[in-house]
Amino acid sequence: MSSSLKGELLRLLREDEEFRLAVMGLIGYADLKSSVDRLVEAVNELTKLAKAHEERLARLESAVEELTKIVKAHEERLAKLEERMTNVEDRLSRIEAAIEELTKIVKAHEERLAKVEDRLTRLETVVEKLANAVSVHSMRLDSFDRRLMALGARWGVESEEAFRNAMKGIVEGYSRRCQGE
């Protein structure tokens, strides 16, 4: 194409609006412009969506940070609680061991107490028998005292040897009676 024809075409495109619109229609400018407009709208929509997603992502990142802090705090609390639980379990084990030892001691005391109760029962029986024997001996001593007084009144204090022999006989008789029981 010649340069004069090119110049003339460019001049007409600049100056003649009708010619310009006809050329645009021929080359499909309207379709192209509507496609570009649709693309611009789509880009604008995508930009809005990206902005909304960016805001949502920022909120989610903030929530994740907050949840991370909470999880970390829970982990610390859980570690402390686990440590306390371990301490309680240790104390419980020591208490159980002490209870077991005390149970053994109580059983030993119960056995000793049963033996002491048995000995006490036997001693009470012996004391009762001794009390009965003392009572019998007390009655015999009273009887002996009365006889001795009767002898002293009968023989008088003059016959000391006779008194001694009589006493010897009484004591021997009394001794035989006590042994017989």
N, C-alpha and C. Protein backbone atom coordinates (compact mmCIF):
# COMPACT_ATOMS: atom_id res chain seq x y z
N MET A 1 0.84 -1.15 0.00
CA MET A 1 0.00 0.00 0.00
C MET A 1 0.90 1.24 0.00
N SER A 2 0.36 2.19 -0.69
CA SER A 2 1.18 3.38 -0.86
C SER A 2 1.06 4.26 0.36
N SER A 3 2.02 5.09 0.47
CA SER A 3 2.06 5.93 1.65
C SER A 3 0.98 7.01 1.60
N SER A 4 0.55 7.42 0.39
CA SER A 4 -0.50 8.41 0.29
C SER A 4 -1.84 7.80 0.69
N LEU A 5 -2.04 6.52 0.34
CA LEU A 5 -3.27 5.83 0.71
C LEU A 5 -3.31 5.64 2.24
N LYS A 6 -2.21 5.32 2.80
CA LYS A 6 -2.14 5.15 4.24
C LYS A 6 -2.45 6.47 4.92
N GLY A 7 -1.86 7.53 4.44
CA GLY A 7 -2.07 8.85 5.03
C GLY A 7 -3.52 9.24 4.97
N GLU A 8 -4.15 8.95 3.75
CA GLU A 8 -5.55 9.29 3.55
C GLU A 8 -6.43 8.49 4.52
N LEU A 9 -6.15 7.21 4.71
CA LEU A 9 -6.93 6.35 5.61
C LEU A 9 -6.81 6.85 7.05
N LEU A 10 -5.63 7.20 7.45
CA LEU A 10 -5.42 7.68 8.81
C LEU A 10 -6.16 9.00 9.03
N ARG A 11 -6.11 9.88 7.99
CA ARG A 11 -6.81 11.16 8.10
C ARG A 11 -8.30 10.92 8.23
N LEU A 12 -8.87 9.98 7.48
CA LEU A 12 -10.30 9.69 7.53
C LEU A 12 -10.67 9.08 8.88
N LEU A 13 -9.86 8.26 9.38
CA LEU A 13 -10.14 7.64 10.69
C LEU A 13 -10.17 8.72 11.78
N ARG A 14 -9.28 9.71 11.64
CA ARG A 14 -9.23 10.77 12.63
C ARG A 14 -10.39 11.74 12.47
N GLU A 15 -10.70 12.07 11.27
CA GLU A 15 -11.65 13.15 11.05
C GLU A 15 -13.07 12.67 10.80
N ASP A 16 -13.24 11.55 10.17
CA ASP A 16 -14.58 11.11 9.79
C ASP A 16 -15.05 10.04 10.78
N GLU A 17 -16.01 10.45 11.61
CA GLU A 17 -16.49 9.54 12.64
C GLU A 17 -17.26 8.39 12.04
N GLU A 18 -18.05 8.66 11.01
CA GLU A 18 -18.84 7.63 10.35
C GLU A 18 -17.92 6.58 9.73
N PHE A 19 -16.85 7.03 9.09
CA PHE A 19 -15.89 6.12 8.49
C PHE A 19 -15.20 5.29 9.58
N ARG A 20 -14.85 6.00 10.62
CA ARG A 20 -14.17 5.32 11.72
C ARG A 20 -15.06 4.23 12.30
N LEU A 21 -16.34 4.46 12.56
CA LEU A 21 -17.26 3.48 13.11
C LEU A 21 -17.46 2.33 12.14
N ALA A 22 -17.49 2.62 10.85
CA ALA A 22 -17.63 1.57 9.85
C ALA A 22 -16.42 0.66 9.87
N VAL A 23 -15.24 1.24 9.98
CA VAL A 23 -14.00 0.43 10.02
C VAL A 23 -14.00 -0.42 11.29
N MET A 24 -14.41 0.21 12.36
CA MET A 24 -14.42 -0.52 13.64
C MET A 24 -15.40 -1.69 13.55
N GLY A 25 -16.53 -1.50 12.97
CA GLY A 25 -17.51 -2.57 12.81
C GLY A 25 -16.94 -3.69 11.96
N LEU A 26 -16.21 -3.31 10.91
CA LEU A 26 -15.63 -4.31 10.02
C LEU A 26 -14.55 -5.14 10.72
N ILE A 27 -13.78 -4.53 11.47
CA ILE A 27 -12.69 -5.29 12.13
C ILE A 27 -13.16 -5.95 13.42
N GLY A 28 -14.40 -5.78 13.83
CA GLY A 28 -14.95 -6.46 15.01
C GLY A 28 -14.55 -5.80 16.31
N TYR A 29 -14.37 -4.48 16.24
CA TYR A 29 -13.97 -3.74 17.42
C TYR A 29 -15.01 -3.86 18.53
N ALA A 30 -16.28 -3.85 18.18
CA ALA A 30 -17.34 -3.93 19.20
C ALA A 30 -17.25 -5.26 19.94
N ASP A 31 -17.04 -6.34 19.19
CA ASP A 31 -16.90 -7.65 19.85
C ASP A 31 -15.66 -7.68 20.75
N LEU A 32 -14.61 -7.10 20.18
CA LEU A 32 -13.37 -7.06 20.93
C LEU A 32 -13.53 -6.19 22.18
N LYS A 33 -14.17 -5.02 22.02
CA LYS A 33 -14.38 -4.12 23.16
C LYS A 33 -15.28 -4.80 24.19
N SER A 34 -16.34 -5.49 23.78
CA SER A 34 -17.22 -6.15 24.74
C SER A 34 -16.48 -7.29 25.43
N SER A 35 -15.62 -7.99 24.70
CA SER A 35 -14.83 -9.06 25.34
C SER A 35 -13.88 -8.48 26.36
N VAL A 36 -13.23 -7.36 25.98
CA VAL A 36 -12.30 -6.70 26.91
C VAL A 36 -13.07 -6.19 28.12
N ASP A 37 -14.25 -5.61 27.87
CA ASP A 37 -15.08 -5.12 28.99
C ASP A 37 -15.46 -6.28 29.92
N ARG A 38 -15.85 -7.41 29.30
CA ARG A 38 -16.20 -8.57 30.13
C ARG A 38 -14.97 -9.06 30.91
N LEU A 39 -13.83 -9.04 30.26
CA LEU A 39 -12.59 -9.45 30.95
C LEU A 39 -12.25 -8.49 32.08
N VAL A 40 -12.43 -7.20 31.83
CA VAL A 40 -12.17 -6.20 32.88
C VAL A 40 -13.11 -6.44 34.05
N GLU A 41 -14.41 -6.69 33.74
CA GLU A 41 -15.37 -6.98 34.82
C GLU A 41 -14.98 -8.24 35.57
N ALA A 42 -14.55 -9.26 34.83
CA ALA A 42 -14.14 -10.52 35.48
C ALA A 42 -12.93 -10.28 36.35
N VAL A 43 -11.97 -9.49 35.83
CA VAL A 43 -10.76 -9.17 36.63
C VAL A 43 -11.18 -8.39 37.87
N ASN A 44 -12.10 -7.44 37.70
CA ASN A 44 -12.58 -6.67 38.86
C ASN A 44 -13.26 -7.59 39.88
N GLU A 45 -14.08 -8.52 39.40
CA GLU A 45 -14.75 -9.49 40.29
C GLU A 45 -13.70 -10.35 41.01
N LEU A 46 -12.73 -10.82 40.22
CA LEU A 46 -11.67 -11.65 40.82
C LEU A 46 -10.86 -10.85 41.84
N THR A 47 -10.65 -9.57 41.55
CA THR A 47 -9.92 -8.70 42.48
C THR A 47 -10.71 -8.57 43.79
N LYS A 48 -12.06 -8.36 43.62
CA LYS A 48 -12.91 -8.27 44.82
C LYS A 48 -12.87 -9.58 45.60
N LEU A 49 -12.97 -10.71 44.87
CA LEU A 49 -12.91 -12.03 45.54
C LEU A 49 -11.56 -12.24 46.21
N ALA A 50 -10.49 -11.86 45.54
CA ALA A 50 -9.14 -12.01 46.12
C ALA A 50 -9.03 -11.17 47.38
N LYS A 51 -9.58 -9.93 47.31
CA LYS A 51 -9.55 -9.05 48.49
C LYS A 51 -10.35 -9.66 49.64
N ALA A 52 -11.54 -10.21 49.31
CA ALA A 52 -12.37 -10.86 50.34
C ALA A 52 -11.66 -12.08 50.90
N HIS A 53 -11.03 -12.85 50.01
CA HIS A 53 -10.28 -14.03 50.48
C HIS A 53 -9.08 -13.63 51.33
N GLU A 54 -8.46 -12.51 50.92
CA GLU A 54 -7.32 -12.01 51.69
C GLU A 54 -7.76 -11.61 53.10
N GLU A 55 -8.90 -10.92 53.19
CA GLU A 55 -9.44 -10.53 54.50
C GLU A 55 -9.81 -11.76 55.31
N ARG A 56 -10.45 -12.70 54.64
CA ARG A 56 -10.84 -13.94 55.32
C ARG A 56 -9.60 -14.70 55.79
N LEU A 57 -8.57 -14.75 54.92
CA LEU A 57 -7.32 -15.42 55.26
C LEU A 57 -6.66 -14.73 56.45
N ALA A 58 -6.70 -13.40 56.48
CA ALA A 58 -6.13 -12.65 57.60
C ALA A 58 -6.87 -13.00 58.89
N ARG A 59 -8.22 -13.08 58.81
CA ARG A 59 -9.00 -13.45 60.00
C ARG A 59 -8.66 -14.87 60.44
N LEU A 60 -8.53 -15.78 59.45
CA LEU A 60 -8.20 -17.17 59.77
C LEU A 60 -6.80 -17.28 60.38
N GLU A 61 -5.85 -16.51 59.81
CA GLU A 61 -4.50 -16.52 60.38
C GLU A 61 -4.51 -16.01 61.81
N SER A 62 -5.30 -14.96 62.06
CA SER A 62 -5.43 -14.42 63.42
C SER A 62 -6.04 -15.47 64.35
N ALA A 63 -7.07 -16.16 63.85
CA ALA A 63 -7.71 -17.21 64.65
C ALA A 63 -6.73 -18.34 64.92
N VAL A 64 -5.93 -18.70 63.91
CA VAL A 64 -4.94 -19.77 64.09
C VAL A 64 -3.91 -19.35 65.13
N GLU A 65 -3.46 -18.10 65.08
CA GLU A 65 -2.51 -17.61 66.09
C GLU A 65 -3.12 -17.68 67.48
N GLU A 66 -4.37 -17.25 67.59
CA GLU A 66 -5.06 -17.27 68.89
C GLU A 66 -5.20 -18.71 69.38
N LEU A 67 -5.62 -19.60 68.48
CA LEU A 67 -5.77 -21.01 68.86
C LEU A 67 -4.41 -21.62 69.22
N THR A 68 -3.36 -21.22 68.54
CA THR A 68 -2.02 -21.71 68.86
C THR A 68 -1.63 -21.28 70.27
N LYS A 69 -1.94 -20.03 70.61
CA LYS A 69 -1.66 -19.55 71.97
C LYS A 69 -2.46 -20.36 72.99
N ILE A 70 -3.74 -20.60 72.69
CA ILE A 70 -4.59 -21.36 73.61
C ILE A 70 -4.06 -22.78 73.77
N VAL A 71 -3.68 -23.41 72.65
CA VAL A 71 -3.14 -24.78 72.70
C VAL A 71 -1.86 -24.81 73.54
N LYS A 72 -1.02 -23.80 73.36
CA LYS A 72 0.22 -23.73 74.13
C LYS A 72 -0.09 -23.58 75.62
N ALA A 73 -1.07 -22.73 75.94
CA ALA A 73 -1.47 -22.56 77.35
C ALA A 73 -2.03 -23.87 77.90
N HIS A 74 -2.83 -24.56 77.08
CA HIS A 74 -3.38 -25.86 77.52
C HIS A 74 -2.27 -26.88 77.73
N GLU A 75 -1.29 -26.86 76.85
CA GLU A 75 -0.17 -27.80 77.01
C GLU A 75 0.57 -27.53 78.31
N GLU A 76 0.77 -26.24 78.64
CA GLU A 76 1.44 -25.89 79.89
C GLU A 76 0.61 -26.34 81.09
N ARG A 77 -0.69 -26.08 81.03
CA ARG A 77 -1.57 -26.51 82.13
C ARG A 77 -1.57 -28.03 82.25
N LEU A 78 -1.62 -28.70 81.11
CA LEU A 78 -1.62 -30.16 81.11
C LEU A 78 -0.33 -30.70 81.70
N ALA A 79 0.80 -30.07 81.36
CA ALA A 79 2.08 -30.50 81.93
C ALA A 79 2.09 -30.32 83.44
N LYS A 80 1.56 -29.18 83.91
CA LYS A 80 1.49 -28.93 85.35
C LYS A 80 0.58 -29.95 86.03
N LEU A 81 -0.56 -30.21 85.40
CA LEU A 81 -1.50 -31.18 85.97
C LEU A 81 -0.90 -32.58 86.00
N GLU A 82 -0.17 -32.93 84.94
CA GLU A 82 0.49 -34.24 84.92
C GLU A 82 1.52 -34.34 86.04
N GLU A 83 2.25 -33.25 86.27
CA GLU A 83 3.25 -33.23 87.35
C GLU A 83 2.55 -33.36 88.71
N ARG A 84 1.46 -32.61 88.88
CA ARG A 84 0.71 -32.72 90.14
C ARG A 84 0.18 -34.13 90.33
N MET A 85 -0.33 -34.71 89.23
CA MET A 85 -0.88 -36.06 89.32
C MET A 85 0.22 -37.06 89.69
N THR A 86 1.40 -36.87 89.14
CA THR A 86 2.53 -37.74 89.48
C THR A 86 2.86 -37.59 90.97
N ASN A 87 2.86 -36.35 91.46
CA ASN A 87 3.13 -36.12 92.88
C ASN A 87 2.06 -36.78 93.75
N VAL A 88 0.81 -36.65 93.34
CA VAL A 88 -0.29 -37.26 94.10
C VAL A 88 -0.15 -38.78 94.09
N GLU A 89 0.20 -39.33 92.93
CA GLU A 89 0.38 -40.79 92.85
C GLU A 89 1.52 -41.24 93.76
N ASP A 90 2.61 -40.45 93.80
CA ASP A 90 3.73 -40.79 94.70
C ASP A 90 3.28 -40.74 96.15
N ARG A 91 2.56 -39.68 96.50
CA ARG A 91 2.06 -39.57 97.87
C ARG A 91 1.12 -40.72 98.20
N LEU A 92 0.26 -41.07 97.25
CA LEU A 92 -0.69 -42.16 97.45
C LEU A 92 0.06 -43.47 97.66
N SER A 93 1.11 -43.68 96.90
CA SER A 93 1.91 -44.90 97.07
C SER A 93 2.54 -44.94 98.46
N ARG A 94 3.07 -43.80 98.90
CA ARG A 94 3.68 -43.75 100.24
C ARG A 94 2.62 -44.00 101.31
N ILE A 95 1.44 -43.42 101.13
CA ILE A 95 0.36 -43.61 102.11
C ILE A 95 -0.07 -45.07 102.13
N GLU A 96 -0.18 -45.67 100.94
CA GLU A 96 -0.56 -47.09 100.89
C GLU A 96 0.47 -47.95 101.61
N ALA A 97 1.76 -47.64 101.40
CA ALA A 97 2.82 -48.39 102.06
C ALA A 97 2.72 -48.20 103.58
N ALA A 98 2.46 -46.97 104.01
CA ALA A 98 2.33 -46.70 105.44
C ALA A 98 1.12 -47.44 106.02
N ILE A 99 0.03 -47.46 105.27
CA ILE A 99 -1.17 -48.18 105.74
C ILE A 99 -0.88 -49.66 105.85
N GLU A 100 -0.15 -50.18 104.87
CA GLU A 100 0.20 -51.60 104.91
C GLU A 100 1.06 -51.91 106.14
N GLU A 101 2.02 -51.03 106.41
CA GLU A 101 2.89 -51.22 107.58
C GLU A 101 2.09 -51.10 108.88
N LEU A 102 1.20 -50.10 108.92
CA LEU A 102 0.37 -49.93 110.11
C LEU A 102 -0.57 -51.12 110.30
N THR A 103 -1.06 -51.68 109.20
CA THR A 103 -1.93 -52.86 109.29
C THR A 103 -1.17 -54.02 109.92
N LYS A 104 0.09 -54.20 109.51
CA LYS A 104 0.92 -55.26 110.09
C LYS A 104 1.12 -55.02 111.59
N ILE A 105 1.38 -53.76 111.94
CA ILE A 105 1.60 -53.42 113.35
C ILE A 105 0.33 -53.67 114.15
N VAL A 106 -0.82 -53.27 113.59
CA VAL A 106 -2.10 -53.47 114.29
C VAL A 106 -2.35 -54.96 114.50
N LYS A 107 -2.06 -55.78 113.48
CA LYS A 107 -2.26 -57.22 113.62
C LYS A 107 -1.35 -57.78 114.72
N ALA A 108 -0.10 -57.31 114.74
CA ALA A 108 0.82 -57.76 115.79
C ALA A 108 0.31 -57.33 117.16
N HIS A 109 -0.20 -56.10 117.24
CA HIS A 109 -0.75 -55.62 118.52
C HIS A 109 -1.97 -56.44 118.92
N GLU A 110 -2.81 -56.78 117.95
CA GLU A 110 -3.99 -57.59 118.26
C GLU A 110 -3.58 -58.95 118.82
N GLU A 111 -2.53 -59.54 118.23
CA GLU A 111 -2.06 -60.83 118.73
C GLU A 111 -1.51 -60.68 120.14
N ARG A 112 -0.71 -59.64 120.34
CA ARG A 112 -0.16 -59.40 121.68
C ARG A 112 -1.28 -59.12 122.68
N LEU A 113 -2.26 -58.35 122.26
CA LEU A 113 -3.38 -58.01 123.13
C LEU A 113 -4.16 -59.28 123.50
N ALA A 114 -4.35 -60.17 122.54
CA ALA A 114 -5.06 -61.42 122.82
C ALA A 114 -4.28 -62.24 123.85
N LYS A 115 -2.96 -62.26 123.69
CA LYS A 115 -2.13 -63.00 124.67
C LYS A 115 -2.22 -62.36 126.05
N VAL A 116 -2.17 -61.02 126.06
CA VAL A 116 -2.26 -60.32 127.35
C VAL A 116 -3.62 -60.56 127.99
N GLU A 117 -4.68 -60.52 127.18
CA GLU A 117 -6.02 -60.80 127.72
C GLU A 117 -6.11 -62.20 128.29
N ASP A 118 -5.50 -63.15 127.59
CA ASP A 118 -5.49 -64.53 128.07
C ASP A 118 -4.73 -64.62 129.40
N ARG A 119 -3.56 -63.99 129.45
CA ARG A 119 -2.78 -64.01 130.70
C ARG A 119 -3.55 -63.32 131.82
N LEU A 120 -4.22 -62.22 131.48
CA LEU A 120 -5.00 -61.50 132.49
C LEU A 120 -6.12 -62.37 133.03
N THR A 121 -6.78 -63.10 132.15
CA THR A 121 -7.84 -64.01 132.58
C THR A 121 -7.28 -65.05 133.54
N ARG A 122 -6.14 -65.63 133.17
CA ARG A 122 -5.52 -66.64 134.05
C ARG A 122 -5.11 -66.02 135.38
N LEU A 123 -4.55 -64.79 135.32
CA LEU A 123 -4.14 -64.12 136.57
C LEU A 123 -5.36 -63.79 137.43
N GLU A 124 -6.46 -63.39 136.81
CA GLU A 124 -7.67 -63.13 137.59
C GLU A 124 -8.14 -64.39 138.29
N THR A 125 -8.04 -65.52 137.59
CA THR A 125 -8.43 -66.80 138.19
C THR A 125 -7.52 -67.12 139.38
N VAL A 126 -6.21 -66.92 139.18
CA VAL A 126 -5.25 -67.19 140.27
C VAL A 126 -5.50 -66.24 141.43
N VAL A 127 -5.74 -64.96 141.14
CA VAL A 127 -5.99 -63.99 142.21
C VAL A 127 -7.25 -64.37 142.97
N GLU A 128 -8.27 -64.80 142.25
CA GLU A 128 -9.51 -65.22 142.91
C GLU A 128 -9.24 -66.40 143.83
N LYS A 129 -8.46 -67.39 143.37
CA LYS A 129 -8.13 -68.54 144.20
C LYS A 129 -7.32 -68.11 145.42
N LEU A 130 -6.37 -67.17 145.18
CA LEU A 130 -5.56 -66.68 146.31
C LEU A 130 -6.43 -65.92 147.32
N ALA A 131 -7.38 -65.14 146.80
CA ALA A 131 -8.27 -64.41 147.70
C ALA A 131 -9.09 -65.39 148.54
N ASN A 132 -9.56 -66.46 147.90
CA ASN A 132 -10.30 -67.48 148.66
C ASN A 132 -9.39 -68.13 149.71
N ALA A 133 -8.16 -68.43 149.32
CA ALA A 133 -7.22 -69.06 150.26
C ALA A 133 -6.92 -68.12 151.42
N VAL A 134 -6.74 -66.82 151.12
CA VAL A 134 -6.47 -65.84 152.18
C VAL A 134 -7.66 -65.78 153.11
N SER A 135 -8.86 -65.80 152.56
CA SER A 135 -10.06 -65.77 153.38
C SER A 135 -10.11 -66.98 154.31
N VAL A 136 -9.82 -68.16 153.75
CA VAL A 136 -9.81 -69.38 154.57
C VAL A 136 -8.75 -69.28 155.64
N HIS A 137 -7.55 -68.83 155.25
CA HIS A 137 -6.45 -68.70 156.23
C HIS A 137 -6.78 -67.67 157.29
N SER A 138 -7.47 -66.59 156.88
CA SER A 138 -7.86 -65.57 157.85
C SER A 138 -8.81 -66.16 158.88
N MET A 139 -9.77 -66.99 158.39
CA MET A 139 -10.71 -67.62 159.33
C MET A 139 -9.96 -68.58 160.26
N ARG A 140 -9.01 -69.32 159.73
CA ARG A 140 -8.25 -70.26 160.57
C ARG A 140 -7.38 -69.52 161.58
N LEU A 141 -6.82 -68.36 161.12
CA LEU A 141 -6.01 -67.59 162.07
C LEU A 141 -6.89 -67.07 163.21
N ASP A 142 -8.09 -66.64 162.84
CA ASP A 142 -9.02 -66.19 163.89
C ASP A 142 -9.30 -67.34 164.86
N SER A 143 -9.53 -68.52 164.31
CA SER A 143 -9.79 -69.69 165.14
C SER A 143 -8.58 -70.01 166.00
N PHE A 144 -7.40 -69.92 165.38
CA PHE A 144 -6.16 -70.19 166.11
C PHE A 144 -5.97 -69.17 167.23
N ASP A 145 -6.27 -67.92 166.93
CA ASP A 145 -6.13 -66.88 167.93
C ASP A 145 -7.04 -67.14 169.13
N ARG A 146 -8.28 -67.57 168.84
CA ARG A 146 -9.21 -67.88 169.93
C ARG A 146 -8.70 -69.06 170.77
N ARG A 147 -8.19 -70.09 170.11
CA ARG A 147 -7.67 -71.25 170.85
C ARG A 147 -6.47 -70.87 171.71
N LEU A 148 -5.63 -70.02 171.08
CA LEU A 148 -4.43 -69.61 171.82
C LEU A 148 -4.82 -68.84 173.07
N MET A 149 -5.80 -68.00 172.93
CA MET A 149 -6.26 -67.25 174.09
C MET A 149 -6.86 -68.19 175.13
N ALA A 150 -7.58 -69.15 174.65
CA ALA A 150 -8.19 -70.11 175.58
C ALA A 150 -7.11 -70.89 176.30
N LEU A 151 -6.06 -71.30 175.59
CA LEU A 151 -4.97 -72.03 176.23
C LEU A 151 -4.26 -71.16 177.27
N GLY A 152 -4.00 -69.91 176.81
CA GLY A 152 -3.31 -68.99 177.75
C GLY A 152 -4.14 -68.79 179.00
N ALA A 153 -5.46 -68.73 178.86
CA ALA A 153 -6.33 -68.53 180.02
C ALA A 153 -6.35 -69.78 180.87
N ARG A 154 -6.30 -70.97 180.23
CA ARG A 154 -6.35 -72.23 180.98
C ARG A 154 -5.04 -72.49 181.72
N TRP A 155 -3.94 -72.38 181.07
CA TRP A 155 -2.67 -72.79 181.68
C TRP A 155 -1.96 -71.65 182.35
N GLY A 156 -2.25 -70.51 181.98
CA GLY A 156 -1.56 -69.38 182.58
C GLY A 156 -0.20 -69.17 181.94
N VAL A 157 0.43 -68.14 182.37
CA VAL A 157 1.71 -67.78 181.78
C VAL A 157 2.83 -68.49 182.54
N GLU A 158 2.57 -69.21 183.66
CA GLU A 158 3.58 -69.83 184.51
C GLU A 158 4.30 -70.95 183.80
N SER A 159 3.61 -71.69 183.05
CA SER A 159 4.22 -72.88 182.46
C SER A 159 4.62 -72.56 181.02
N GLU A 160 5.79 -71.94 180.88
CA GLU A 160 6.24 -71.51 179.56
C GLU A 160 6.54 -72.69 178.66
N GLU A 161 7.15 -73.73 179.18
CA GLU A 161 7.49 -74.88 178.35
C GLU A 161 6.24 -75.59 177.91
N ALA A 162 5.27 -75.72 178.76
CA ALA A 162 4.02 -76.35 178.39
C ALA A 162 3.33 -75.50 177.30
N PHE A 163 3.45 -74.19 177.44
CA PHE A 163 2.87 -73.30 176.44
C PHE A 163 3.53 -73.50 175.10
N ARG A 164 4.85 -73.61 175.11
CA ARG A 164 5.59 -73.81 173.86
C ARG A 164 5.20 -75.12 173.21
N ASN A 165 5.11 -76.16 173.94
CA ASN A 165 4.73 -77.47 173.39
C ASN A 165 3.30 -77.42 172.82
N ALA A 166 2.42 -76.74 173.53
CA ALA A 166 1.05 -76.63 173.04
C ALA A 166 1.01 -75.85 171.73
N MET A 167 1.79 -74.81 171.66
CA MET A 167 1.85 -73.99 170.44
C MET A 167 2.41 -74.80 169.29
N LYS A 168 3.41 -75.56 169.57
CA LYS A 168 4.01 -76.40 168.55
C LYS A 168 2.98 -77.37 168.01
N GLY A 169 2.21 -77.97 168.84
CA GLY A 169 1.17 -78.91 168.43
C GLY A 169 0.10 -78.23 167.60
N ILE A 170 -0.29 -77.04 168.03
CA ILE A 170 -1.33 -76.31 167.29
C ILE A 170 -0.83 -75.93 165.92
N VAL A 171 0.38 -75.41 165.84
CA VAL A 171 0.94 -74.98 164.56
C VAL A 171 1.11 -76.17 163.63
N GLU A 172 1.57 -77.29 164.14
CA GLU A 172 1.73 -78.46 163.30
C GLU A 172 0.38 -78.95 162.80
N GLY A 173 -0.63 -78.92 163.66
CA GLY A 173 -1.98 -79.31 163.25
C GLY A 173 -2.51 -78.36 162.19
N TYR A 174 -2.30 -77.13 162.42
CA TYR A 174 -2.75 -76.14 161.45
C TYR A 174 -2.03 -76.31 160.11
N SER A 175 -0.74 -76.54 160.15
CA SER A 175 0.07 -76.74 158.97
C SER A 175 -0.40 -77.96 158.18
N ARG A 176 -0.77 -79.06 158.90
CA ARG A 176 -1.27 -80.26 158.22
C ARG A 176 -2.60 -79.97 157.52
N ARG A 177 -3.43 -79.24 158.17
CA ARG A 177 -4.73 -78.92 157.57
C ARG A 177 -4.57 -78.07 156.30
N CYS A 178 -3.64 -77.12 156.36
CA CYS A 178 -3.41 -76.24 155.19
C CYS A 178 -2.82 -77.03 154.03
N GLN A 179 -1.97 -77.97 154.34
CA GLN A 179 -1.37 -78.78 153.28
C GLN A 179 -2.38 -79.74 152.69
N GLY A 180 -3.31 -80.15 153.48
CA GLY A 180 -4.33 -81.08 153.01
C GLY A 180 -5.27 -80.42 152.00
N GLU A 181 -5.40 -79.17 152.01
CA GLU A 181 -6.31 -78.50 151.10
C GLU A 181 -5.60 -78.35 149.83
